[in-house]
N, C-alpha and C. Protein backbone atom coordinates (compact mmCIF):
# COMPACT_ATOMS: atom_id res chain seq x y z
N UNK A 1 108.30 55.27 44.93
CA UNK A 1 109.56 55.89 45.60
C UNK A 1 110.30 56.25 45.38
N UNK A 2 110.68 58.05 45.90
CA UNK A 2 111.32 58.83 45.53
C UNK A 2 113.09 58.69 46.97
N UNK A 3 113.92 58.56 45.61
CA UNK A 3 115.56 58.32 46.33
C UNK A 3 115.51 60.14 47.17
N UNK A 4 116.41 59.41 48.00
CA UNK A 4 116.30 60.51 48.37
C UNK A 4 117.38 61.13 48.18
N UNK A 5 118.19 62.37 48.34
CA UNK A 5 119.68 63.02 47.78
C UNK A 5 121.27 62.16 48.25
N UNK A 6 120.84 61.80 49.12
CA UNK A 6 122.81 60.79 49.76
C UNK A 6 122.15 59.20 49.15
N UNK A 7 121.12 59.09 48.75
CA UNK A 7 120.31 57.66 48.23
C UNK A 7 121.39 57.95 46.29
N UNK A 8 120.77 59.75 46.00
CA UNK A 8 121.21 59.64 44.73
C UNK A 8 123.13 60.10 43.92
N UNK A 9 123.54 60.18 45.71
CA UNK A 9 124.88 60.98 44.80
C UNK A 9 124.92 59.32 44.90
N UNK A 10 125.03 58.33 46.49
CA UNK A 10 125.80 57.33 46.71
C UNK A 10 125.64 56.26 44.85
N UNK A 11 124.54 56.13 44.29
CA UNK A 11 124.25 55.90 43.11
C UNK A 11 125.14 56.12 41.71
N UNK A 12 125.78 57.00 42.09
CA UNK A 12 126.80 57.70 41.56
C UNK A 12 127.75 57.94 42.04
N UNK A 13 127.94 57.92 42.80
CA UNK A 13 129.52 57.42 43.25
C UNK A 13 129.83 55.34 42.73
N UNK A 14 128.61 54.69 43.27
CA UNK A 14 129.10 53.28 42.40
C UNK A 14 129.55 53.89 40.76
N UNK A 15 128.51 54.55 40.59
CA UNK A 15 128.96 54.13 39.14
C UNK A 15 130.64 54.84 38.73
N UNK A 16 130.93 55.82 39.36
CA UNK A 16 131.91 56.45 39.29
C UNK A 16 133.00 55.27 39.52
N UNK A 17 133.23 54.47 40.33
CA UNK A 17 134.08 54.07 40.71
C UNK A 17 133.86 51.97 40.22
N UNK A 18 132.63 51.93 39.43
CA UNK A 18 132.94 50.56 38.08
C UNK A 18 133.61 51.57 37.13
N UNK A 19 133.28 52.94 36.74
CA UNK A 19 133.82 53.44 35.52
C UNK A 19 135.94 52.94 36.23
N UNK A 20 136.17 53.78 37.44
CA UNK A 20 137.35 53.52 37.66
C UNK A 20 137.77 52.27 37.73
N UNK A 21 137.13 51.23 38.44
CA UNK A 21 137.49 50.28 37.88
C UNK A 21 138.19 49.14 36.77
N UNK A 22 136.75 49.48 35.62
CA UNK A 22 137.29 49.25 34.16
C UNK A 22 138.79 49.47 34.03
N UNK A 23 138.83 51.39 34.31
CA UNK A 23 140.46 51.14 33.88
C UNK A 23 141.55 50.99 34.71
N UNK A 24 141.27 50.64 35.63
CA UNK A 24 142.46 49.52 36.65
C UNK A 24 142.67 48.65 36.13
N UNK A 25 141.93 47.69 35.21
CA UNK A 25 142.09 46.14 35.06
C UNK A 25 142.85 47.18 33.17
N UNK A 26 142.32 48.07 32.84
CA UNK A 26 143.38 47.81 31.40
C UNK A 26 142.94 47.68 30.77
N UNK A 27 141.31 47.10 30.62
CA UNK A 27 141.02 46.65 28.94
C UNK A 27 140.02 46.95 28.03
N UNK A 28 139.98 48.28 28.82
CA UNK A 28 139.17 49.78 27.87
C UNK A 28 139.64 49.69 26.78
N UNK A 29 138.71 49.80 25.39
CA UNK A 29 140.22 50.14 24.39
C UNK A 29 139.29 52.29 24.54
N UNK A 30 140.16 52.31 23.18
CA UNK A 30 140.25 53.49 23.08
C UNK A 30 139.06 54.55 22.79
N UNK A 31 138.14 53.94 22.34
CA UNK A 31 136.68 55.10 21.93
C UNK A 31 136.00 54.76 23.02
N UNK A 32 135.60 53.46 23.62
CA UNK A 32 135.42 53.14 24.73
C UNK A 32 135.49 54.56 26.43
N UNK A 33 137.49 54.01 26.40
CA UNK A 33 137.57 54.88 27.21
C UNK A 33 136.75 55.93 27.50
N UNK A 34 136.98 56.60 25.95
CA UNK A 34 136.58 57.99 26.40
C UNK A 34 135.29 57.82 26.68
N UNK A 35 134.63 57.27 26.12
CA UNK A 35 133.24 57.33 26.36
C UNK A 35 133.03 56.93 28.41
N UNK A 36 133.77 56.12 28.33
CA UNK A 36 133.58 56.42 29.95
C UNK A 36 134.31 57.45 31.10
N UNK A 37 135.40 58.06 30.06
CA UNK A 37 135.34 59.02 30.77
C UNK A 37 134.84 60.07 31.05
N UNK A 38 134.37 60.49 29.83
CA UNK A 38 132.79 61.21 29.60
C UNK A 38 131.68 61.17 30.22
N UNK A 39 131.04 59.70 30.69
CA UNK A 39 130.96 59.66 31.58
C UNK A 39 130.73 59.97 33.44
N UNK A 40 132.07 60.15 33.61
CA UNK A 40 133.07 59.72 34.74
C UNK A 40 133.02 61.27 34.76
N UNK A 41 133.42 62.52 33.95
CA UNK A 41 133.26 63.43 34.18
C UNK A 41 132.01 64.16 34.52
N UNK A 42 131.16 63.55 34.12
CA UNK A 42 129.32 64.16 34.34
C UNK A 42 129.44 63.70 35.23
N UNK A 43 129.79 61.95 35.77
CA UNK A 43 129.45 61.69 37.34
C UNK A 43 129.56 62.54 38.59
N UNK A 44 130.92 63.50 37.51
CA UNK A 44 131.72 64.25 39.19
C UNK A 44 131.17 65.44 39.09
N UNK A 45 131.07 66.27 38.31
CA UNK A 45 129.73 67.34 37.96
C UNK A 45 129.25 67.12 39.16
N UNK A 46 128.25 66.21 38.74
CA UNK A 46 126.72 66.18 39.50
C UNK A 46 127.12 65.93 40.55
N UNK A 47 127.36 64.91 40.66
CA UNK A 47 127.68 65.24 42.32
C UNK A 47 128.24 66.10 42.81
N UNK A 48 129.97 66.94 42.36
CA UNK A 48 130.13 68.24 43.00
C UNK A 48 129.11 69.41 43.36
N UNK A 49 128.37 69.17 42.21
CA UNK A 49 126.92 70.17 42.03
C UNK A 49 126.10 69.59 43.62
N UNK A 50 125.55 68.66 43.78
CA UNK A 50 124.97 68.66 44.37
C UNK A 50 125.15 68.64 46.44
N UNK A 51 126.94 68.31 46.36
CA UNK A 51 127.34 68.57 47.64
C UNK A 51 127.51 69.98 47.59
N UNK A 52 126.94 70.77 46.74
CA UNK A 52 127.11 72.10 46.97
C UNK A 52 126.29 73.08 47.48
N UNK A 53 125.02 71.92 46.34
CA UNK A 53 123.92 72.49 46.85
C UNK A 53 123.98 72.58 48.75
N UNK A 54 123.90 71.10 48.69
CA UNK A 54 124.10 70.78 50.19
C UNK A 54 124.75 71.53 51.07
N UNK A 55 125.51 72.24 50.93
CA UNK A 55 126.40 73.37 51.46
C UNK A 55 126.14 74.26 51.49
N UNK A 56 125.69 74.97 50.86
CA UNK A 56 125.22 76.44 51.08
C UNK A 56 124.30 76.08 51.83
N UNK A 57 122.60 74.93 51.30
CA UNK A 57 121.77 74.59 52.45
C UNK A 57 122.08 74.59 54.00
N UNK A 58 123.62 73.43 54.28
CA UNK A 58 124.09 74.21 55.65
C UNK A 58 124.39 75.28 56.06
N UNK A 59 124.72 76.21 55.55
CA UNK A 59 125.04 77.41 55.58
C UNK A 59 124.20 78.60 55.76
N UNK A 60 122.66 77.80 55.11
CA UNK A 60 121.97 78.88 55.24
C UNK A 60 121.03 78.62 56.91
N UNK A 61 121.57 77.54 57.20
CA UNK A 61 120.56 76.89 57.92
C UNK A 61 121.12 77.62 59.29
N UNK A 62 122.52 77.26 59.57
CA UNK A 62 123.58 78.02 59.98
C UNK A 62 123.53 79.68 60.33
N UNK A 63 123.23 79.86 59.82
CA UNK A 63 123.26 82.11 59.11
C UNK A 63 122.13 82.05 60.15
N UNK A 64 120.65 81.62 59.39
CA UNK A 64 119.38 81.88 59.98
C UNK A 64 119.37 80.57 61.22
N UNK A 65 119.98 80.52 61.67
CA UNK A 65 119.63 79.57 63.52
C UNK A 65 118.50 78.60 63.50
């Protein structure tokens, strides 16, 4: 079964929330923190890209009626 775009975004948001919680705990070492930061930045970019693609599709539908 393939995942919907919404499911993919939700999974990425959950991953991002886990990373944020780890940072909030304060037990992340420097090396691990750098890696987690990179993962978080990548997730944020992917989520933004997905949302932007959806926004573009919505605009196209609105324009073409």
